[in-house]
Amino acid sequence: MSKQTKTDVVLIGAGIMSATLGSLLKELVPDWEITVFERRGSAGEESSNEWNNAGTGHSSLCELNYTTEKPDGSIDVSKANKVNEEFQVSKQFWSYLVNSNLIRSPRDFIVPVPHMSFVQGEKDVTFLKKRFEALSVNPLFEGMEFSDVPAKLAEWIPLMMKDRKVDQPIAATRIETGTDVNFGALTRILFNQLKKQNVDINFNHNVDDIKRANDGSWELKVRNMENGSKDRINAKFVFIGGGGGSLHLLQKTGIPEGKGIGGFPVSGLFMVCKKPEVVAQHRAKVYGQAPVGAPPMSVPHLDTRVIDNKESLFFGPFAGFTPKFLKYGSNMDLITSVKPHNLTNMLAAGAKNMSLTTYLVKQLMLSKEQRMEALREFIPNAKSEDWELLVAGQRVQIIKETNAGKGTLQFGTEVINAADGSVAALLGASPGASTAVSVMLEVINNCFPQHMKEWEPKLKEMIPSYGAKLLQQPELIKQINATTNEALGLVSKKSSTSASALA
């Protein structure tokens, strides 16, 4: 670690969020001193790691839980629109980095993979068709196709249709502009670039405490985990982007905005197939409907993954439970997160989410063969010997009081910042990494309002749609898609594809 005891910005955690915020700030204010502390030995080892998440470029192209059916039978697409626009923002910033030669090879972290939704049964087929009709007229979802014809589905997803007994209605949507994103690789690329820009990056360093200094800045107690030495670092601004570890550090700040917030850890497991002859038969990310009682993050999906230029298939996630808030965390994480100010919310959450508890218990008790049976809903002839179990990353869902009452379990990503903007923490889970740029722009806007006017020209240079609602500007969407697809090496779906024709 460097000898400096003062810095402008401290980023806690070397995941995709800190990497993104650091990259944005270095473009906006190159002369600011930025210091990073990460408890692991390298960047992107926790939730951002490519083996700890599904790698879906979340843009609502296939995720059924981002669209809900209203009481009148219509489909609410508001969340789908929001997530899609946020992913468009990420692609614009990544494209800027490529065009500025700050990222050399986008192929190292993003590749085109079709996104699909797949359902069975009359009720779900009806829902999917209505969802398609609501989205396909939307310029953000141009190119979406629908089919309920088994022969057509066999062309799209041959591995899933082979040996399938079609004894009930079946349907799928497909859009070729989906992506597989290696967030671990992207995180490492960004931190390598930040290091070249003189960002002080300290691995194997744990932030033990964070307190407000007399002048309003923040004093951090940092421990070198290799030799046990301790240092005090003073920072004008602190971003807590430590994944599941963020909650404990937020609590240590003592800011009133963090009061009452609790966390519930959920671990994930995937079944993984690396056999080339099986992998070659499927190229898509195919999402289904979540089981009753499952959290939204447990929507089953069969994914093509591209990691280190090798393709594999992921199926899951299967939920698990451990009291750890990080994959490499402590079994005391959950109990030590319970404080007098969040106890009521934590107890209320337990009472209100018995179905989730029951679901998690059932998931924990599954044998490999039972998991294979779930996989066979997607691949009827799947063989147990072709698949292995992979323990993915930890996710900590936010528990807080909302309009829905005390102990509401939140699914999503949320920024908590002090009123004076001197500290911010990121809590929550999916869609997380896919929307990292939008989320970090929220941090910048909330914490540096005095600079936003002077920074706006640079922000618009990096993100052409900055300040605009894409949904209201179809021509801008086309322009952005063309430029980002070219910069990132993505194949764009031809506009000649009929989005409204039912196969």
Protein backbone atom coordinates (compact mmCIF):
# COMPACT_ATOMS: atom_id res chain seq x y z
CA MET A 1 0.00 0.00 0.00
CA SER A 2 1.19 3.53 -0.71
CA LYS A 3 2.25 5.77 2.18
CA GLN A 4 -0.40 8.40 1.59
CA THR A 5 -2.85 8.90 4.42
CA LYS A 6 -5.24 11.19 2.58
CA THR A 7 -7.09 10.68 -0.68
CA ASP A 8 -10.00 12.21 -2.56
CA VAL A 9 -11.94 9.00 -3.14
CA VAL A 10 -11.92 5.56 -1.55
CA LEU A 11 -13.58 2.66 -3.34
CA ILE A 12 -14.24 -0.33 -1.08
CA GLY A 13 -14.44 -3.58 -3.03
CA ALA A 14 -12.83 -4.40 -6.39
CA GLY A 15 -15.94 -5.58 -8.20
CA ILE A 16 -17.73 -4.29 -11.28
CA MET A 17 -19.40 -1.42 -9.40
CA SER A 18 -16.17 0.11 -8.04
CA ALA A 19 -14.47 -0.53 -11.37
CA THR A 20 -17.25 1.35 -13.16
CA LEU A 21 -17.36 4.26 -10.72
CA GLY A 22 -13.58 4.59 -10.76
CA SER A 23 -13.55 4.57 -14.57
CA LEU A 24 -16.26 7.24 -14.76
CA LEU A 25 -14.55 9.50 -12.23
CA LYS A 26 -11.17 9.15 -13.96
CA GLU A 27 -12.74 10.45 -17.16
CA LEU A 28 -14.60 13.27 -15.39
CA VAL A 29 -11.85 14.43 -13.00
CA PRO A 30 -8.51 12.83 -13.95
CA ASP A 31 -6.62 14.68 -11.21
CA TRP A 32 -8.61 13.25 -8.30
CA GLU A 33 -6.70 10.73 -6.21
CA ILE A 34 -8.53 7.39 -5.99
CA THR A 35 -7.65 4.56 -3.60
CA VAL A 36 -9.16 1.06 -3.76
CA PHE A 37 -9.26 -1.55 -0.98
CA GLU A 38 -10.17 -5.17 -1.70
CA ARG A 39 -10.05 -7.98 0.84
CA ARG A 40 -9.39 -10.66 -1.79
CA GLY A 41 -6.15 -11.13 -3.73
CA SER A 42 -7.39 -9.80 -7.07
CA ALA A 43 -10.27 -7.96 -8.72
CA GLY A 44 -13.65 -9.49 -9.43
CA GLU A 45 -13.43 -12.55 -7.18
CA GLU A 46 -16.87 -12.31 -5.56
CA SER A 47 -20.23 -11.61 -7.23
CA SER A 48 -18.60 -10.07 -10.32
CA ASN A 49 -16.64 -13.23 -11.07
CA GLU A 50 -17.70 -14.99 -14.25
CA TRP A 51 -18.26 -18.29 -12.42
CA ASN A 52 -20.41 -16.62 -9.74
CA ASN A 53 -23.20 -15.23 -11.95
CA ALA A 54 -25.12 -16.10 -15.10
CA GLY A 55 -23.41 -13.52 -17.30
CA THR A 56 -26.69 -12.37 -18.80
CA GLY A 57 -26.60 -8.87 -20.22
CA HIS A 58 -29.86 -8.12 -18.40
CA SER A 59 -31.97 -6.07 -20.79
CA SER A 60 -35.42 -7.63 -20.21
CA LEU A 61 -35.30 -9.46 -23.53
CA CYS A 62 -36.01 -12.82 -21.87
CA GLU A 63 -36.56 -12.29 -18.14
CA LEU A 64 -40.26 -12.98 -17.53
CA ASN A 65 -40.11 -11.62 -13.98
CA TYR A 66 -39.52 -8.11 -15.38
CA THR A 67 -43.02 -8.11 -16.90
CA THR A 68 -46.13 -8.75 -14.84
CA GLU A 69 -49.78 -9.23 -15.69
CA LYS A 70 -52.13 -6.59 -14.32
CA PRO A 71 -55.59 -7.42 -12.91
CA ASP A 72 -57.17 -6.25 -16.18
CA GLY A 73 -55.08 -8.77 -18.13
CA SER A 74 -52.70 -6.25 -19.69
CA ILE A 75 -48.91 -6.56 -19.30
CA ASP A 76 -46.93 -4.07 -17.23
CA VAL A 77 -43.69 -3.48 -19.14
CA SER A 78 -42.42 -0.50 -17.12
CA LYS A 79 -39.65 -2.44 -15.35
CA ALA A 80 -38.65 -4.12 -18.60
CA ASN A 81 -38.28 -0.71 -20.22
CA LYS A 82 -36.22 0.62 -17.32
CA VAL A 83 -33.79 -2.31 -17.21
CA ASN A 84 -33.39 -2.29 -20.99
CA GLU A 85 -32.58 1.43 -21.06
CA GLU A 86 -30.06 0.97 -18.25
CA PHE A 87 -28.27 -1.78 -20.17
CA GLN A 88 -28.18 0.50 -23.20
CA VAL A 89 -26.36 3.04 -21.00
CA SER A 90 -23.79 0.40 -20.02
CA LYS A 91 -23.17 -0.49 -23.65
CA GLN A 92 -22.65 3.16 -24.54
CA PHE A 93 -20.02 3.64 -21.84
CA TRP A 94 -18.24 0.41 -22.77
CA SER A 95 -18.26 1.57 -26.41
CA TYR A 96 -16.73 4.89 -25.37
CA LEU A 97 -13.94 3.04 -23.56
CA VAL A 98 -13.31 0.90 -26.65
CA ASN A 99 -13.26 3.91 -28.97
CA SER A 100 -10.91 5.69 -26.56
CA ASN A 101 -8.55 2.69 -26.60
CA LEU A 102 -9.10 2.16 -22.89
CA ILE A 103 -10.52 -1.30 -23.73
CA ARG A 104 -8.64 -3.07 -26.50
CA SER A 105 -10.74 -6.15 -27.21
CA PRO A 106 -14.46 -6.09 -26.34
CA ARG A 107 -14.63 -9.73 -27.41
CA ASP A 108 -12.84 -10.51 -24.14
CA PHE A 109 -15.94 -9.63 -22.15
CA ILE A 110 -19.04 -9.42 -24.38
CA VAL A 111 -20.36 -11.65 -27.17
CA PRO A 112 -23.73 -11.89 -28.95
CA VAL A 113 -25.97 -14.69 -27.69
CA PRO A 114 -29.73 -14.83 -28.49
CA HIS A 115 -32.07 -14.28 -25.53
CA MET A 116 -35.20 -16.42 -25.31
CA SER A 117 -38.21 -17.00 -23.06
CA PHE A 118 -39.62 -20.52 -22.95
CA VAL A 119 -42.92 -21.64 -21.41
CA GLN A 120 -45.23 -24.64 -21.29
CA GLY A 121 -48.94 -24.89 -20.49
CA GLU A 122 -51.88 -22.90 -21.79
CA LYS A 123 -51.75 -20.23 -19.08
CA ASP A 124 -48.06 -19.42 -19.55
CA VAL A 125 -48.27 -19.58 -23.35
CA THR A 126 -51.10 -17.04 -23.24
CA PHE A 127 -49.01 -14.81 -20.96
CA LEU A 128 -45.95 -15.08 -23.19
CA LYS A 129 -47.92 -14.17 -26.31
CA LYS A 130 -49.39 -11.11 -24.57
CA ARG A 131 -45.91 -10.17 -23.35
CA PHE A 132 -44.58 -10.46 -26.89
CA GLU A 133 -47.40 -8.31 -28.27
CA ALA A 134 -46.69 -5.64 -25.63
CA LEU A 135 -42.92 -5.60 -26.21
CA SER A 136 -42.52 -6.23 -29.94
CA VAL A 137 -44.06 -2.84 -30.84
CA ASN A 138 -41.55 -1.18 -28.52
CA PRO A 139 -38.42 0.16 -30.29
CA LEU A 140 -36.26 -1.10 -27.39
CA PHE A 141 -37.29 -4.67 -28.25
CA GLU A 142 -37.14 -4.51 -32.04
CA GLY A 143 -36.50 -7.90 -33.60
CA MET A 144 -38.36 -10.04 -31.04
CA GLU A 145 -39.98 -13.14 -32.53
CA PHE A 146 -42.66 -15.47 -31.16
CA SER A 147 -43.55 -19.04 -32.02
CA ASP A 148 -45.76 -21.76 -30.58
CA VAL A 149 -44.95 -24.19 -33.41
CA PRO A 150 -42.80 -27.13 -32.20
CA ALA A 151 -41.00 -27.45 -35.54
CA LYS A 152 -39.95 -23.79 -35.36
CA LEU A 153 -38.81 -24.19 -31.76
CA ALA A 154 -36.72 -27.19 -32.85
CA GLU A 155 -34.83 -24.81 -35.16
CA TRP A 156 -34.25 -22.30 -32.37
CA ILE A 157 -33.45 -24.68 -29.50
CA PRO A 158 -32.68 -28.15 -30.90
CA LEU A 159 -31.17 -29.46 -27.66
CA MET A 160 -34.28 -28.51 -25.69
CA MET A 161 -36.72 -29.94 -28.25
CA LYS A 162 -34.94 -33.24 -28.90
CA ASP A 163 -36.93 -36.17 -27.42
CA ARG A 164 -39.44 -33.72 -25.92
CA LYS A 165 -42.98 -35.06 -25.51
CA VAL A 166 -45.18 -32.17 -26.60
CA ASP A 167 -48.43 -32.97 -24.79
CA GLN A 168 -49.34 -29.40 -23.85
CA PRO A 169 -49.11 -25.93 -25.43
CA ILE A 170 -45.53 -24.71 -25.76
CA ALA A 171 -44.06 -21.41 -26.92
CA ALA A 172 -40.96 -19.24 -26.96
CA THR A 173 -39.80 -15.78 -27.89
CA ARG A 174 -36.39 -15.05 -29.34
CA ILE A 175 -34.35 -11.93 -29.95
CA GLU A 176 -30.89 -12.16 -31.48
CA THR A 177 -29.51 -8.94 -30.00
CA GLY A 178 -28.98 -10.51 -26.57
CA THR A 179 -25.52 -10.79 -25.04
CA ASP A 180 -23.39 -12.92 -22.77
CA VAL A 181 -21.19 -10.70 -20.59
CA ASN A 182 -18.11 -11.84 -18.69
CA PHE A 183 -18.32 -9.35 -15.82
CA GLY A 184 -15.25 -10.82 -14.17
CA ALA A 185 -13.14 -10.15 -17.26
CA LEU A 186 -14.61 -6.67 -17.65
CA THR A 187 -13.85 -5.89 -14.00
CA ARG A 188 -10.23 -6.95 -14.41
CA ILE A 189 -9.89 -4.97 -17.66
CA LEU A 190 -11.19 -1.82 -15.99
CA PHE A 191 -8.95 -2.16 -12.93
CA ASN A 192 -5.90 -2.83 -15.07
CA GLN A 193 -6.64 0.40 -16.91
CA LEU A 194 -7.22 2.30 -13.64
CA LYS A 195 -3.86 1.10 -12.37
CA LYS A 196 -2.24 2.62 -15.49
CA GLN A 197 -4.02 5.87 -14.59
CA ASN A 198 -2.30 5.90 -11.18
CA VAL A 199 -5.23 4.64 -9.12
CA ASP A 200 -3.84 3.16 -5.89
CA ILE A 201 -5.22 -0.40 -5.79
CA ASN A 202 -4.66 -2.44 -2.63
CA PHE A 203 -5.55 -6.14 -2.62
CA ASN A 204 -5.60 -8.25 0.54
CA HIS A 205 -6.68 -5.18 2.50
CA ASN A 206 -9.79 -5.16 4.66
CA VAL A 207 -11.61 -2.03 5.82
CA ASP A 208 -12.26 -2.79 9.48
CA ASP A 209 -14.00 0.46 10.40
CA ILE A 210 -15.21 3.74 8.98
CA LYS A 211 -16.02 6.81 11.05
CA ARG A 212 -16.84 10.45 10.39
CA ALA A 213 -13.91 12.80 11.02
CA ASN A 214 -14.33 16.23 12.64
CA ASP A 215 -14.08 18.01 9.29
CA GLY A 216 -16.86 15.92 7.74
CA SER A 217 -14.55 13.60 5.81
CA TRP A 218 -14.21 9.88 6.57
CA GLU A 219 -11.49 8.04 8.45
CA LEU A 220 -11.01 4.38 7.55
CA LYS A 221 -9.15 1.77 9.56
CA VAL A 222 -7.55 -0.56 7.03
CA ARG A 223 -5.83 -3.85 7.81
CA ASN A 224 -3.27 -5.56 5.61
CA MET A 225 -4.48 -9.18 5.66
CA GLU A 226 -1.06 -10.54 4.69
CA ASN A 227 1.04 -9.06 7.50
CA GLY A 228 -1.57 -7.71 9.93
CA SER A 229 -0.38 -4.11 9.77
CA LYS A 230 -2.99 -1.38 10.16
CA ASP A 231 -3.31 2.08 8.64
CA ARG A 232 -5.68 5.03 8.88
CA ILE A 233 -6.82 6.61 5.63
CA ASN A 234 -8.75 9.86 5.36
CA ALA A 235 -11.08 10.34 2.37
CA LYS A 236 -13.38 13.11 1.18
CA PHE A 237 -15.70 10.57 -0.48
CA VAL A 238 -16.20 6.85 0.16
CA PHE A 239 -18.04 4.37 -2.03
CA ILE A 240 -18.92 1.07 -0.37
CA GLY A 241 -19.18 -1.44 -3.20
CA GLY A 242 -18.32 -4.59 -1.30
CA GLY A 243 -21.23 -6.75 -2.46
CA GLY A 244 -22.76 -8.55 0.51
CA GLY A 245 -20.12 -6.95 2.74
CA SER A 246 -21.51 -3.47 2.08
CA LEU A 247 -24.23 -3.70 4.72
CA HIS A 248 -21.82 -4.07 7.65
CA LEU A 249 -19.74 -1.12 6.47
CA LEU A 250 -22.84 1.00 5.89
CA GLN A 251 -23.84 0.28 9.48
CA LYS A 252 -20.39 1.35 10.70
CA THR A 253 -20.79 4.78 9.08
CA GLY A 254 -23.72 5.51 11.39
CA ILE A 255 -25.51 7.61 8.76
CA PRO A 256 -29.27 7.84 9.43
CA GLU A 257 -30.04 6.75 5.87
CA GLY A 258 -28.69 3.29 6.73
CA LYS A 259 -30.88 2.78 9.77
CA GLY A 260 -33.49 0.04 9.72
CA ILE A 261 -31.98 -1.78 6.75
CA GLY A 262 -31.26 -5.49 7.06
CA GLY A 263 -30.08 -8.18 4.70
CA PHE A 264 -31.03 -11.75 3.84
CA PRO A 265 -28.37 -13.91 2.14
CA VAL A 266 -29.24 -16.30 -0.67
CA SER A 267 -26.61 -18.44 -2.33
CA GLY A 268 -26.85 -19.88 -5.81
CA LEU A 269 -25.79 -23.10 -7.46
CA PHE A 270 -25.58 -23.94 -11.16
CA MET A 271 -25.36 -27.18 -13.06
CA VAL A 272 -22.55 -26.81 -15.64
CA CYS A 273 -21.86 -28.79 -18.81
CA LYS A 274 -18.52 -28.45 -20.60
CA LYS A 275 -18.84 -31.38 -23.02
CA PRO A 276 -18.30 -29.92 -26.52
CA GLU A 277 -20.76 -32.30 -28.23
CA VAL A 278 -23.55 -31.17 -25.89
CA VAL A 279 -22.60 -27.49 -25.74
CA ALA A 280 -22.55 -27.27 -29.55
CA GLN A 281 -26.26 -28.12 -29.72
CA HIS A 282 -27.42 -25.01 -27.84
CA ARG A 283 -26.61 -21.35 -28.32
CA ALA A 284 -28.98 -19.09 -26.39
CA LYS A 285 -29.92 -17.85 -22.95
CA VAL A 286 -33.36 -19.37 -22.34
CA TYR A 287 -35.38 -18.18 -19.34
CA GLY A 288 -38.49 -19.89 -17.97
CA GLN A 289 -40.99 -19.12 -15.21
CA ALA A 290 -39.93 -19.12 -11.55
CA PRO A 291 -41.34 -21.90 -9.34
CA VAL A 292 -44.05 -20.90 -6.87
CA GLY A 293 -42.47 -19.39 -3.74
CA ALA A 294 -39.09 -18.82 -5.39
CA PRO A 295 -37.42 -15.38 -5.25
CA PRO A 296 -37.31 -13.58 -8.62
CA MET A 297 -33.56 -14.18 -8.82
CA SER A 298 -34.26 -17.94 -8.99
CA VAL A 299 -35.89 -17.93 -12.42
CA PRO A 300 -34.63 -21.13 -14.12
CA HIS A 301 -32.58 -20.59 -17.25
CA LEU A 302 -30.32 -22.54 -19.60
CA ASP A 303 -27.44 -20.37 -20.74
CA THR A 304 -24.67 -20.43 -23.25
CA ARG A 305 -21.61 -19.00 -21.50
CA VAL A 306 -18.38 -17.88 -23.13
CA ILE A 307 -15.50 -17.83 -20.63
CA ASP A 308 -11.86 -17.64 -21.74
CA ASN A 309 -13.05 -18.17 -25.33
CA LYS A 310 -14.58 -21.53 -24.36
CA GLU A 311 -18.30 -22.23 -24.47
CA SER A 312 -20.19 -24.07 -21.75
CA LEU A 313 -23.78 -24.41 -20.60
CA PHE A 314 -25.12 -23.22 -17.25
CA PHE A 315 -28.47 -24.30 -15.82
CA GLY A 316 -30.02 -22.91 -12.68
CA PRO A 317 -29.86 -21.20 -10.38
CA PHE A 318 -30.75 -23.49 -7.53
CA ALA A 319 -31.07 -21.54 -4.31
CA GLY A 320 -29.11 -22.34 -1.20
CA PHE A 321 -28.66 -20.79 2.19
CA THR A 322 -25.61 -19.90 4.24
CA PRO A 323 -25.35 -17.14 6.85
CA LYS A 324 -22.37 -15.73 4.94
CA PHE A 325 -22.88 -12.40 3.14
CA LEU A 326 -19.95 -13.11 0.82
CA LYS A 327 -18.84 -16.35 -0.81
CA TYR A 328 -15.57 -15.95 1.08
CA GLY A 329 -17.26 -14.41 4.11
CA SER A 330 -17.92 -15.42 7.70
CA ASN A 331 -20.65 -17.64 9.13
CA MET A 332 -21.28 -14.80 11.59
CA ASP A 333 -22.23 -12.31 8.86
CA LEU A 334 -26.00 -12.62 9.23
CA ILE A 335 -26.15 -12.54 13.02
CA THR A 336 -23.72 -9.62 13.32
CA SER A 337 -25.80 -7.61 10.83
CA VAL A 338 -28.77 -7.64 13.20
CA LYS A 339 -28.88 -4.35 15.13
CA PRO A 340 -31.46 -2.76 17.42
CA HIS A 341 -32.51 -0.40 14.62
CA ASN A 342 -33.22 -3.20 12.09
CA LEU A 343 -34.40 -5.98 14.42
CA THR A 344 -38.09 -5.25 13.86
CA ASN A 345 -37.68 -5.33 10.10
CA MET A 346 -35.68 -8.54 10.25
CA LEU A 347 -38.30 -10.28 12.39
CA ALA A 348 -41.13 -9.00 10.21
CA ALA A 349 -39.33 -10.25 7.10
CA GLY A 350 -39.05 -13.71 8.61
CA ALA A 351 -42.76 -13.78 9.39
CA LYS A 352 -43.79 -12.46 5.97
CA ASN A 353 -41.58 -14.76 3.91
CA MET A 354 -42.38 -18.23 5.18
CA SER A 355 -42.94 -19.41 1.61
CA LEU A 356 -39.42 -18.29 0.72
CA THR A 357 -38.03 -20.09 3.77
CA THR A 358 -39.88 -23.26 2.78
CA TYR A 359 -38.58 -22.96 -0.78
CA LEU A 360 -34.98 -22.53 0.40
CA VAL A 361 -35.22 -25.55 2.71
CA LYS A 362 -36.52 -27.68 -0.17
CA GLN A 363 -33.75 -26.42 -2.45
CA LEU A 364 -31.09 -27.25 0.15
CA MET A 365 -32.33 -30.83 0.37
CA LEU A 366 -32.18 -31.51 -3.37
CA SER A 367 -29.90 -34.31 -4.53
CA LYS A 368 -27.99 -34.07 -7.80
CA GLU A 369 -30.52 -36.34 -9.48
CA GLN A 370 -33.39 -34.12 -8.31
CA ARG A 371 -31.57 -31.14 -9.81
CA MET A 372 -31.15 -33.13 -12.99
CA GLU A 373 -34.92 -33.66 -13.08
CA ALA A 374 -35.38 -29.90 -13.01
CA LEU A 375 -32.85 -29.60 -15.84
CA ARG A 376 -34.78 -32.19 -17.86
CA GLU A 377 -37.70 -29.76 -17.99
CA PHE A 378 -35.35 -27.86 -20.32
CA ILE A 379 -33.27 -30.72 -21.79
CA PRO A 380 -35.38 -33.89 -21.77
CA ASN A 381 -32.46 -36.26 -22.50
CA ALA A 382 -29.89 -34.63 -20.19
CA LYS A 383 -27.42 -37.15 -18.73
CA SER A 384 -26.20 -36.78 -15.16
CA GLU A 385 -22.60 -37.61 -16.07
CA ASP A 386 -22.46 -34.61 -18.44
CA TRP A 387 -23.20 -32.08 -15.72
CA GLU A 388 -21.40 -30.93 -12.55
CA LEU A 389 -22.48 -28.71 -9.66
CA LEU A 390 -21.00 -25.21 -9.35
CA VAL A 391 -21.39 -23.02 -6.27
CA ALA A 392 -22.03 -19.47 -7.46
CA GLY A 393 -21.80 -16.17 -5.60
CA GLN A 394 -23.71 -14.90 -2.58
CA ARG A 395 -26.52 -12.35 -2.94
CA VAL A 396 -27.86 -10.31 -0.04
CA GLN A 397 -31.44 -9.12 -0.51
CA ILE A 398 -32.37 -5.85 1.18
CA ILE A 399 -34.88 -5.87 4.03
CA LYS A 400 -36.47 -2.51 4.88
CA GLU A 401 -39.69 -0.74 5.69
CA THR A 402 -41.59 0.37 2.59
CA ASN A 403 -45.14 1.32 1.68
CA ALA A 404 -45.83 -2.41 1.81
CA GLY A 405 -44.97 -2.38 5.53
CA LYS A 406 -42.12 -3.43 7.79
CA GLY A 407 -39.78 -6.22 6.83
CA THR A 408 -40.26 -5.93 3.07
CA LEU A 409 -37.80 -8.07 1.13
CA GLN A 410 -36.50 -6.03 -1.81
CA PHE A 411 -35.34 -7.62 -5.04
CA GLY A 412 -33.02 -5.38 -7.00
CA THR A 413 -30.20 -2.92 -6.59
CA GLU A 414 -30.33 0.15 -4.35
CA VAL A 415 -27.98 3.04 -3.60
CA ILE A 416 -27.91 4.44 -0.05
CA ASN A 417 -26.05 7.70 0.40
CA ALA A 418 -25.55 10.27 3.15
CA ALA A 419 -27.41 13.57 2.83
CA ASP A 420 -24.16 15.43 2.21
CA GLY A 421 -23.07 12.96 -0.48
CA SER A 422 -19.81 12.10 1.26
CA VAL A 423 -20.48 8.35 1.43
CA ALA A 424 -22.58 5.95 -0.63
CA ALA A 425 -23.20 2.22 -0.43
CA LEU A 426 -24.60 -0.19 -2.97
CA LEU A 427 -26.89 -2.94 -1.69
CA GLY A 428 -28.95 -5.65 -3.35
CA ALA A 429 -28.60 -8.00 -6.29
CA SER A 430 -29.82 -8.58 -9.86
CA PRO A 431 -29.86 -6.96 -12.39
CA GLY A 432 -26.82 -5.37 -10.68
CA ALA A 433 -23.79 -5.68 -12.95
CA SER A 434 -25.71 -5.18 -16.20
CA THR A 435 -26.92 -1.79 -15.00
CA ALA A 436 -23.65 -0.80 -13.31
CA VAL A 437 -23.14 2.36 -15.35
CA SER A 438 -26.65 3.69 -14.65
CA VAL A 439 -26.30 2.86 -10.96
CA MET A 440 -22.92 4.58 -10.72
CA LEU A 441 -24.31 7.62 -12.55
CA GLU A 442 -26.95 7.72 -9.81
CA VAL A 443 -24.16 7.70 -7.22
CA ILE A 444 -22.38 10.55 -9.03
CA ASN A 445 -25.57 12.59 -9.36
CA ASN A 446 -26.54 12.07 -5.70
CA CYS A 447 -23.08 12.67 -4.26
CA PHE A 448 -21.62 15.36 -6.51
CA PRO A 449 -24.57 17.61 -7.46
CA GLN A 450 -22.30 20.68 -7.35
CA HIS A 451 -20.26 19.29 -10.27
CA MET A 452 -23.02 17.98 -12.52
CA LYS A 453 -23.32 21.09 -14.71
CA GLU A 454 -19.61 21.19 -15.46
CA TRP A 455 -19.46 17.41 -15.99
CA GLU A 456 -22.51 17.21 -18.28
CA PRO A 457 -20.66 17.73 -21.61
CA LYS A 458 -18.23 14.90 -20.79
CA LEU A 459 -21.08 12.66 -19.63
CA LYS A 460 -22.88 13.22 -22.94
CA GLU A 461 -19.68 12.44 -24.81
CA MET A 462 -19.36 9.13 -22.95
CA ILE A 463 -23.08 8.33 -22.98
CA PRO A 464 -24.90 10.00 -25.89
CA SER A 465 -28.33 9.24 -24.42
CA TYR A 466 -27.42 10.86 -21.07
CA GLY A 467 -30.42 12.84 -19.79
CA ALA A 468 -32.77 11.43 -22.45
CA LYS A 469 -35.56 8.84 -22.26
CA LEU A 470 -34.68 6.40 -25.00
CA LEU A 471 -38.18 5.00 -25.28
CA GLN A 472 -39.38 8.38 -26.49
CA GLN A 473 -36.71 8.62 -29.20
CA PRO A 474 -36.80 5.65 -31.61
CA GLU A 475 -34.29 7.22 -33.97
CA LEU A 476 -31.80 7.70 -31.13
CA ILE A 477 -32.25 4.04 -30.20
CA LYS A 478 -31.37 2.97 -33.75
CA GLN A 479 -28.36 5.26 -33.79
CA ILE A 480 -27.08 4.01 -30.44
CA ASN A 481 -27.62 0.37 -31.38
CA ALA A 482 -25.65 0.87 -34.59
CA THR A 483 -22.70 2.59 -32.91
CA THR A 484 -22.51 0.33 -29.84
CA ASN A 485 -22.87 -2.86 -31.89
CA GLU A 486 -20.01 -1.73 -34.12
CA ALA A 487 -17.76 -0.72 -31.23
CA LEU A 488 -18.45 -3.86 -29.18
CA GLY A 489 -18.34 -6.25 -32.13
CA LEU A 490 -21.97 -7.33 -31.72
CA VAL A 491 -24.07 -8.56 -34.62
CA SER A 492 -27.18 -6.43 -34.99
CA LYS A 493 -30.48 -8.03 -35.88
CA LYS A 494 -31.53 -6.79 -39.33
CA SER A 495 -34.49 -4.44 -39.29
CA SER A 496 -36.01 -6.57 -42.02
CA THR A 497 -36.88 -9.18 -39.42
CA SER A 498 -40.60 -8.97 -38.79
CA ALA A 499 -41.03 -8.42 -35.09
CA SER A 500 -44.79 -8.74 -35.26
CA ALA A 501 -45.12 -11.83 -37.42
CA LEU A 502 -46.14 -14.89 -35.45
CA ALA A 503 -44.29 -17.94 -36.66
